[in-house]
Amino acid sequence: MKVENPLLIDITCETDRHVVIAHGTQKVYQGHPTTVLLPDGKTIFCTWCINHGGHCGPLAKSEDGGLTWMSVETPKNWEGVYNAPSIYLLEDQSLKQRLFVFAARTKNERTMQQSMSVDGGHTWSPFQSIGMPCVMGFTSIIRLKNGYHLGLYPRGKDDLDQTPLKVWQSISRDGGLTWGEPSLFVEDEASGRDPDEPEIIRSPNGSQLLVLFRENLRKGNSLMVTSEDEGENWSDLRETPWGLTGDRHKARYAPDGRLVVVFRDKAINSSSRGSFLAWVGTYDDIIAGRPGQYRIKLLHQHVDQGNKRQEGDCGYPGLELL
């Protein structure tokens, strides 16, 4: 049975929707941002790195839901830590909340780095290693039903960003302060695909976990697995619907229960390949392999050289529901 691709809605020209947090230049690429929304529903922190997979350091704060931004001072050693920092608000079982930023490595050590704020993001600790070899810091963390946190991250051959990529998980029992021995939970060497950059989503009824993966070798659609037991065991790896094929998925539920998933489009034969999209559909659409309701083109990739399409790096998202 043929499955139709979802409708594409293009709003890239509606620039009144745009707010620039950090301008790039001919020499400086503001790369790989992630965000966290605080419980007041309007305070957002955004962290990113300088140039592709470059050093950390930049951190910005908005107190009005993203309309305006201010820089936040960070420790000097953030500039010696590299690659796609990710930011989370985690709560321990005593209900104490802390902000964390994770990144991939230093110049001399390829282990995950962690920085923490205990005062709502006003001040931050220097990065310190938590001892896990990795390609990137945790790209997704979720609170489990027992109050622990499950963190997911990719790791490549010889701990480098190279094939074969595999995905690992670790448990924190103390609200993110410490992390348990990591375990491998997804690999696909037999099929020659590279799962990468996991994003974890809980089902609407709370009983199932779904993880979406970038497929880094571009051999088909993106990939996914599910768990019925809070990450103790995972299903076999399979492809997502075509319209979810892309890099660095970030997902949030809309108030009506639909899922909004943003990512860089990498779907084969997509008219918006390389641009930054949002997919809108239901959780059940993904599980059943249905196309979803529609896709929204948010930012257009302008990287073209003559008639040969170049693979650009447009779109690497944070996503928050205000």
Protein backbone atom coordinates (compact mmCIF):
# COMPACT_ATOMS: atom_id res chain seq x y z
CA MET A 1 0.00 0.00 0.00
CA LYS A 2 1.38 3.40 -0.95
CA VAL A 3 1.71 5.88 1.92
CA GLU A 4 1.33 9.51 0.87
CA ASN A 5 3.83 12.04 2.14
CA PRO A 6 2.46 14.77 4.44
CA LEU A 7 1.63 18.26 3.23
CA LEU A 8 4.47 20.82 3.45
CA ILE A 9 3.55 24.32 4.66
CA ASP A 10 6.24 26.96 4.04
CA ILE A 11 6.43 29.89 6.47
CA THR A 12 10.09 30.75 5.90
CA CYS A 13 9.23 34.23 4.62
CA GLU A 14 7.32 35.17 7.79
CA THR A 15 10.37 36.78 9.33
CA ASP A 16 8.32 38.62 11.95
CA ARG A 17 8.36 35.28 13.78
CA HIS A 18 12.17 35.36 14.03
CA VAL A 19 14.34 36.53 16.92
CA VAL A 20 18.13 36.38 16.49
CA ILE A 21 19.86 35.37 19.73
CA ALA A 22 23.43 35.50 18.40
CA HIS A 23 24.48 36.82 14.99
CA GLY A 24 27.01 34.86 12.98
CA THR A 25 29.72 36.41 10.83
CA GLN A 26 31.81 35.29 7.88
CA LYS A 27 34.22 33.74 10.39
CA VAL A 28 31.99 32.82 13.35
CA TYR A 29 29.30 30.15 13.13
CA GLN A 30 26.89 30.09 16.07
CA GLY A 31 26.20 26.36 16.25
CA HIS A 32 24.15 23.61 17.84
CA PRO A 33 21.81 25.36 20.31
CA THR A 34 19.61 23.64 22.88
CA THR A 35 17.15 25.18 25.33
CA VAL A 36 15.39 24.61 28.63
CA LEU A 37 12.18 26.26 29.88
CA LEU A 38 11.85 26.98 33.60
CA PRO A 39 8.65 26.24 35.56
CA ASP A 40 7.42 29.85 35.29
CA GLY A 41 6.63 29.14 31.65
CA LYS A 42 8.54 32.15 30.28
CA THR A 43 12.19 31.94 31.37
CA ILE A 44 14.32 30.12 28.79
CA PHE A 45 18.04 29.35 28.79
CA CYS A 46 19.83 28.65 25.51
CA THR A 47 23.36 27.29 25.20
CA TRP A 48 25.41 26.61 22.07
CA CYS A 49 28.98 26.37 20.75
CA ILE A 50 31.16 28.43 18.44
CA ASN A 51 31.58 26.88 14.98
CA HIS A 52 30.72 23.31 14.01
CA GLY A 53 31.31 21.12 17.06
CA GLY A 54 33.41 23.94 18.47
CA HIS A 55 34.01 25.26 21.94
CA CYS A 56 31.25 26.02 24.44
CA GLY A 57 30.87 29.24 26.37
CA PRO A 58 27.86 31.15 25.05
CA LEU A 59 24.78 31.05 27.28
CA ALA A 60 21.74 33.31 26.92
CA LYS A 61 18.61 33.88 28.98
CA SER A 62 15.15 35.13 28.04
CA GLU A 63 12.63 36.20 30.68
CA ASP A 64 9.77 36.85 28.21
CA GLY A 65 9.33 33.58 26.35
CA GLY A 66 12.07 34.19 23.81
CA LEU A 67 11.22 37.70 22.64
CA THR A 68 14.39 39.26 24.07
CA TRP A 69 17.66 37.73 25.25
CA MET A 70 20.59 38.64 27.48
CA SER A 71 24.01 37.01 27.83
CA VAL A 72 24.84 34.99 30.95
CA GLU A 73 28.39 34.86 32.24
CA THR A 74 29.93 31.38 32.24
CA PRO A 75 33.17 30.02 33.76
CA LYS A 76 36.33 30.44 31.70
CA ASN A 77 36.84 26.70 31.35
CA TRP A 78 33.65 26.40 29.26
CA GLU A 79 35.79 27.62 26.36
CA GLY A 80 37.92 24.49 26.69
CA VAL A 81 34.95 22.13 26.33
CA TYR A 82 33.59 21.13 22.94
CA ASN A 83 30.68 20.01 20.80
CA ALA A 84 26.94 20.60 21.04
CA PRO A 85 26.20 21.43 24.69
CA SER A 86 22.78 20.35 25.96
CA ILE A 87 20.88 21.91 28.88
CA TYR A 88 18.34 20.38 31.30
CA LEU A 89 16.41 21.18 34.48
CA LEU A 90 16.47 18.06 36.66
CA GLU A 91 14.72 17.45 39.98
CA ASP A 92 15.88 14.94 42.58
CA GLN A 93 13.57 12.89 44.78
CA SER A 94 13.64 15.55 47.49
CA LEU A 95 12.20 17.95 44.85
CA LYS A 96 15.37 20.04 44.68
CA GLN A 97 15.92 21.39 41.15
CA ARG A 98 19.25 22.02 39.45
CA LEU A 99 20.22 23.15 35.95
CA PHE A 100 22.81 21.09 34.09
CA VAL A 101 24.78 21.55 30.87
CA PHE A 102 26.49 18.54 29.29
CA ALA A 103 29.09 18.57 26.49
CA ALA A 104 31.35 16.07 24.79
CA ARG A 105 35.02 16.56 25.56
CA THR A 106 38.03 18.72 26.27
CA LYS A 107 41.10 19.00 24.05
CA ASN A 108 42.80 16.26 26.02
CA GLU A 109 39.96 14.05 27.24
CA ARG A 110 37.11 12.50 25.24
CA THR A 111 34.70 12.06 28.13
CA MET A 112 31.38 13.73 28.84
CA GLN A 113 31.61 17.04 30.71
CA GLN A 114 29.05 18.43 33.16
CA SER A 115 28.39 21.93 34.55
CA MET A 116 25.72 22.77 37.12
CA SER A 117 23.76 25.73 38.49
CA VAL A 118 22.00 25.56 41.87
CA ASP A 119 20.65 29.13 41.80
CA GLY A 120 18.36 29.14 38.77
CA GLY A 121 21.08 29.79 36.21
CA HIS A 122 22.62 32.90 37.78
CA THR A 123 25.98 31.20 38.37
CA TRP A 124 27.52 28.04 36.96
CA SER A 125 30.20 25.61 38.05
CA PRO A 126 33.18 24.87 35.82
CA PHE A 127 32.81 21.82 33.58
CA GLN A 128 34.03 18.57 35.09
CA SER A 129 34.29 15.11 33.55
CA ILE A 130 31.74 12.47 34.51
CA GLY A 131 33.94 9.78 33.01
CA MET A 132 31.83 8.53 30.09
CA PRO A 133 33.49 8.27 26.66
CA CYS A 134 31.17 9.87 24.12
CA VAL A 135 30.72 11.71 20.84
CA MET A 136 28.22 14.13 22.38
CA GLY A 137 26.78 14.84 25.80
CA PHE A 138 23.31 13.58 26.68
CA THR A 139 21.07 14.53 23.74
CA SER A 140 17.98 13.48 25.67
CA ILE A 141 17.11 12.95 29.35
CA ILE A 142 13.76 11.81 30.73
CA ARG A 143 12.43 11.30 34.27
CA LEU A 144 11.41 7.71 34.89
CA LYS A 145 8.40 6.60 36.91
CA ASN A 146 10.64 5.70 39.87
CA GLY A 147 12.01 9.25 40.03
CA TYR A 148 15.37 8.39 38.46
CA HIS A 149 16.56 9.98 35.21
CA LEU A 150 17.49 8.16 32.01
CA GLY A 151 20.10 9.86 29.81
CA LEU A 152 20.87 8.87 26.21
CA TYR A 153 23.91 9.73 24.09
CA PRO A 154 25.92 8.53 21.04
CA ARG A 155 29.42 7.11 20.96
CA GLY A 156 31.52 6.25 17.89
CA LYS A 157 34.39 3.93 17.03
CA ASP A 158 37.39 4.55 19.28
CA ASP A 159 35.21 7.17 21.02
CA LEU A 160 35.43 9.40 17.93
CA ASP A 161 32.66 10.79 15.75
CA GLN A 162 33.01 8.04 13.17
CA THR A 163 31.16 4.94 12.04
CA PRO A 164 29.95 2.69 13.50
CA LEU A 165 27.96 4.93 15.83
CA LYS A 166 26.20 3.30 18.78
CA VAL A 167 23.85 4.73 21.40
CA TRP A 168 24.31 4.35 25.14
CA GLN A 169 22.19 4.99 28.21
CA SER A 170 22.91 5.85 31.83
CA ILE A 171 20.78 6.25 34.95
CA SER A 172 21.02 9.03 37.55
CA ARG A 173 19.47 8.26 40.93
CA ASP A 174 20.19 11.67 42.48
CA GLY A 175 18.71 14.21 40.11
CA GLY A 176 21.66 14.40 37.73
CA LEU A 177 24.50 14.84 40.22
CA THR A 178 26.03 11.45 39.40
CA TRP A 179 25.46 8.91 36.62
CA GLY A 180 25.64 5.13 36.66
CA GLU A 181 27.75 2.86 34.48
CA PRO A 182 26.56 3.34 30.88
CA SER A 183 25.17 0.45 28.85
CA LEU A 184 24.84 -0.01 25.10
CA PHE A 185 21.21 -0.12 24.01
CA VAL A 186 21.17 0.49 20.24
CA GLU A 187 23.54 -0.48 17.44
CA ASP A 188 23.03 -1.49 13.80
CA GLU A 189 26.33 -2.70 12.40
CA ALA A 190 24.59 -5.62 10.65
CA SER A 191 22.58 -3.27 8.43
CA GLY A 192 25.34 -0.70 8.14
CA ARG A 193 23.34 2.20 9.60
CA ASP A 194 24.45 4.73 12.20
CA PRO A 195 21.85 5.67 14.84
CA ASP A 196 22.75 9.04 16.36
CA GLU A 197 21.40 11.95 18.47
CA PRO A 198 18.57 10.16 20.32
CA GLU A 199 15.40 12.02 21.35
CA ILE A 200 13.17 10.27 23.89
CA ILE A 201 9.37 10.76 24.08
CA ARG A 202 6.87 9.27 26.54
CA SER A 203 3.59 8.00 25.10
CA PRO A 204 0.40 9.93 25.98
CA ASN A 205 -0.76 7.18 28.36
CA GLY A 206 2.67 7.06 29.98
CA SER A 207 3.24 3.34 29.41
CA GLN A 208 5.78 3.44 26.58
CA LEU A 209 9.02 5.23 25.73
CA LEU A 210 9.87 6.05 22.10
CA VAL A 211 13.32 7.10 20.90
CA LEU A 212 13.89 8.80 17.54
CA PHE A 213 17.37 8.69 15.98
CA ARG A 214 19.17 10.52 13.24
CA GLU A 215 20.56 8.01 10.71
CA ASN A 216 23.99 9.45 10.10
CA LEU A 217 24.96 7.51 6.96
CA ARG A 218 21.84 8.61 4.99
CA LYS A 219 20.87 5.07 4.02
CA GLY A 220 17.13 5.54 4.49
CA ASN A 221 14.65 7.06 6.89
CA SER A 222 15.43 8.01 10.47
CA LEU A 223 15.28 5.23 13.05
CA MET A 224 13.33 4.45 16.22
CA VAL A 225 12.91 1.99 19.09
CA THR A 226 10.38 1.62 21.91
CA SER A 227 10.44 0.34 25.48
CA GLU A 228 7.56 -0.99 27.58
CA ASP A 229 9.57 -1.18 30.82
CA GLU A 230 11.16 2.25 31.37
CA GLY A 231 14.26 1.51 29.30
CA GLU A 232 15.15 -1.88 30.76
CA ASN A 233 14.56 -3.48 27.36
CA TRP A 234 14.12 -2.03 23.87
CA SER A 235 12.44 -3.17 20.68
CA ASP A 236 14.29 -3.92 17.47
CA LEU A 237 15.44 -0.87 15.53
CA ARG A 238 13.14 0.18 12.68
CA GLU A 239 12.59 3.14 10.38
CA THR A 240 10.40 6.13 11.17
CA PRO A 241 7.86 7.45 8.67
CA TRP A 242 9.54 9.27 5.75
CA GLY A 243 8.42 12.70 6.93
CA LEU A 244 10.35 12.38 10.22
CA THR A 245 13.66 11.70 8.50
CA GLY A 246 16.19 14.21 9.72
CA ASP A 247 18.83 15.29 12.19
CA ARG A 248 18.57 16.28 15.86
CA HIS A 249 14.88 15.67 16.58
CA LYS A 250 13.29 17.63 19.43
CA ALA A 251 9.69 16.86 20.41
CA ARG A 252 6.98 18.48 22.52
CA TYR A 253 3.27 17.76 22.95
CA ALA A 254 0.90 20.52 21.88
CA PRO A 255 -2.04 21.32 24.21
CA ASP A 256 -4.42 19.25 22.02
CA GLY A 257 -2.24 16.15 22.36
CA ARG A 258 -0.54 16.25 18.97
CA LEU A 259 3.23 15.98 18.76
CA VAL A 260 5.39 18.71 17.29
CA VAL A 261 8.85 17.43 16.28
CA VAL A 262 11.48 19.80 14.88
CA PHE A 263 14.63 18.72 13.00
CA ARG A 264 16.84 19.30 9.97
CA ASP A 265 15.15 17.63 6.99
CA LYS A 266 17.16 14.76 5.46
CA ALA A 267 14.33 12.82 3.82
CA ILE A 268 15.26 11.29 0.46
CA ASN A 269 13.75 13.25 -2.47
CA SER A 270 12.30 15.87 -0.13
CA SER A 271 11.75 19.30 -1.71
CA SER A 272 12.91 20.85 1.59
CA ARG A 273 15.94 18.64 2.18
CA GLY A 274 18.53 20.44 4.28
CA SER A 275 16.05 23.00 5.66
CA PHE A 276 14.68 23.23 9.20
CA LEU A 277 11.22 21.68 9.65
CA ALA A 278 8.51 20.87 12.15
CA TRP A 279 6.50 17.65 11.79
CA VAL A 280 2.97 17.63 13.25
CA GLY A 281 1.03 14.44 13.95
CA THR A 282 0.19 12.04 16.76
CA TYR A 283 2.29 9.64 18.76
CA ASP A 284 0.24 6.80 17.27
CA ASP A 285 1.07 8.06 13.76
CA ILE A 286 4.74 7.44 14.46
CA ILE A 287 4.22 4.01 16.02
CA ALA A 288 1.94 2.91 13.16
CA GLY A 289 4.23 4.29 10.45
CA ARG A 290 1.67 6.83 9.25
CA PRO A 291 2.81 10.10 7.63
CA GLY A 292 1.31 12.48 10.20
CA GLN A 293 -0.77 15.56 9.49
CA TYR A 294 1.69 18.01 7.90
CA ARG A 295 5.22 19.41 7.96
CA ILE A 296 6.13 23.09 8.38
CA LYS A 297 9.19 24.57 6.71
CA LEU A 298 10.59 27.00 9.29
CA LEU A 299 14.01 28.03 7.93
CA HIS A 300 15.32 27.65 4.37
CA GLN A 301 18.77 26.28 3.64
CA HIS A 302 20.63 28.59 1.23
CA VAL A 303 23.68 26.38 0.69
CA ASP A 304 23.84 25.76 -3.06
CA GLN A 305 26.84 25.81 -5.39
CA GLY A 306 25.88 25.82 -9.05
CA ASN A 307 23.72 22.83 -9.84
CA LYS A 308 25.21 20.63 -7.12
CA ARG A 309 23.33 20.54 -3.85
CA GLN A 310 25.66 20.80 -0.88
CA GLU A 311 24.87 19.31 2.49
CA GLY A 312 24.45 22.32 4.77
CA ASP A 313 23.94 22.49 8.52
CA CYS A 314 20.67 24.44 8.80
CA GLY A 315 18.66 23.86 11.95
CA TYR A 316 19.71 22.34 15.28
CA PRO A 317 16.90 22.97 17.66
CA GLY A 318 15.70 23.74 21.07
CA LEU A 319 11.90 23.46 21.34
CA GLU A 320 9.70 24.67 24.19
CA LEU A 321 5.94 24.90 24.82
CA LEU A 322 5.14 28.27 26.37
